[in-house]
Every structure is written in structure tokens, then in C-alpha cells.
């Protein structure tokens, strides 16, 4: 992998309520190997997202700020 390389596309498939992406890094090609820990050099936190259970729409509570040398936690809406 190299910086800026497209590794996947965002989508909404399976049992999900909206577009999202799951990925992990592994040191081997074995799908049962342990994940390799990592952080992103930089990205922008746009806020936190919640899903309206009645409509399925995502609502974002905006609190934009830069993030460095970390990993976006669950519920965070981010741009890279």
C-alpha cells in the first residue's frame, strides 16, 4: 500500500443502516491472523453521527476539528 491509494469504495450492503466502510490491516494473507494496530497521520473529525430509528436517516452533530496520529472511534464522522 502507498499513501493516497484507493483501497475500497464506500457502500451500503448487507444488514446496515447506511453507507460505511470496515477494514483492517494484517501482516499475513491469512484472514484469521491478528489485526496490525495503526493510526492515521491526519484526518478531520466532522462531528458525531446518530441514526434516527424511525427514518433510518443519519444526523450529524457538527463539531469540526483536526485529528492527528489517532484512529476515529465509533460514531465519529470523518473526512480523509
Protein backbone atom coordinates (compact mmCIF):
# COMPACT_ATOMS: atom_id res chain seq x y z
CA UNK A 1 0.00 0.00 0.00
CA UNK A 2 1.01 3.58 -0.52
CA UNK A 3 -0.35 6.90 0.70
CA UNK A 4 -3.33 8.04 -1.39
CA UNK A 5 -4.01 4.60 -2.89
CA UNK A 6 -7.71 3.70 -3.21
CA UNK A 7 -8.28 0.52 -1.19
CA UNK A 8 -12.08 0.34 -1.25
CA UNK A 9 -15.30 2.14 -2.05
CA UNK A 10 -17.92 3.25 0.44
CA UNK A 11 -21.19 1.36 0.23
CA UNK A 12 -24.31 0.06 1.90
CA UNK A 13 -24.71 -3.69 1.62
CA UNK A 14 -25.82 -6.46 3.91
CA UNK A 15 -27.57 -5.67 7.16
CA UNK A 16 -26.70 -1.98 7.52
CA UNK A 17 -28.50 1.30 8.01
CA UNK A 18 -26.28 3.45 5.81
CA UNK A 19 -23.05 3.72 3.83
CA UNK A 20 -19.96 2.74 5.77
CA UNK A 21 -16.60 1.04 5.43
CA UNK A 22 -14.94 -1.63 7.58
CA UNK A 23 -11.30 -2.55 7.06
CA UNK A 24 -8.32 -3.88 8.95
CA UNK A 25 -4.61 -4.31 8.37
CA UNK A 26 -2.99 -7.72 8.67
CA UNK A 27 0.62 -8.83 8.48
CA UNK A 28 -0.23 -12.02 6.56
CA UNK A 29 -2.74 -13.11 3.93
CA UNK A 30 -4.43 -15.41 6.46
CA UNK A 31 -7.91 -13.92 7.17
CA UNK A 32 -7.74 -15.31 10.72
CA UNK A 33 -4.48 -13.57 11.62
CA UNK A 34 -4.49 -10.77 14.15
CA UNK A 35 -5.02 -7.16 13.09
CA UNK A 36 -2.00 -4.87 13.00
CA UNK A 37 -2.55 -1.73 15.10
CA UNK A 38 -2.37 1.56 13.21
CA UNK A 39 -3.29 5.24 13.35
CA UNK A 40 -3.94 7.83 10.66
CA UNK A 41 -1.37 10.63 10.30
CA UNK A 42 -4.15 13.16 9.95
CA UNK A 43 -7.85 13.48 9.17
CA UNK A 44 -10.70 15.81 10.02
CA UNK A 45 -13.40 14.97 12.54
CA UNK A 46 -16.65 16.48 11.25
CA UNK A 47 -18.69 15.51 14.32
CA UNK A 48 -20.64 12.57 15.69
CA UNK A 49 -23.34 10.68 13.87
CA UNK A 50 -26.55 9.14 15.16
CA UNK A 51 -29.24 7.26 13.28
CA UNK A 52 -32.92 8.12 13.67
CA UNK A 53 -34.53 4.73 14.36
CA UNK A 54 -37.83 5.82 12.80
CA UNK A 55 -36.48 7.14 9.50
CA UNK A 56 -33.06 5.49 9.26
CA UNK A 57 -31.54 8.88 8.44
CA UNK A 58 -28.14 9.84 9.79
CA UNK A 59 -27.95 13.04 11.80
CA UNK A 60 -24.57 14.67 12.33
CA UNK A 61 -23.88 16.84 15.36
CA UNK A 62 -21.16 19.05 13.93
CA UNK A 63 -18.02 19.75 15.92
CA UNK A 64 -15.32 20.04 13.22
CA UNK A 65 -11.71 19.77 14.28
CA UNK A 66 -8.44 18.31 13.01
CA UNK A 67 -7.15 14.99 14.31
CA UNK A 68 -3.58 13.70 14.18
CA UNK A 69 -1.90 10.39 14.93
CA UNK A 70 -5.08 8.69 16.09
CA UNK A 71 -7.90 6.43 14.96
CA UNK A 72 -11.53 7.55 14.51
CA UNK A 73 -13.69 5.92 17.17
CA UNK A 74 -17.23 4.54 16.70
CA UNK A 75 -19.82 7.17 15.88
CA UNK A 76 -17.30 9.66 14.51
CA UNK A 77 -17.95 11.22 11.10
CA UNK A 78 -14.62 11.98 9.44
CA UNK A 79 -13.13 13.12 6.16
CA UNK A 80 -9.73 11.98 4.94
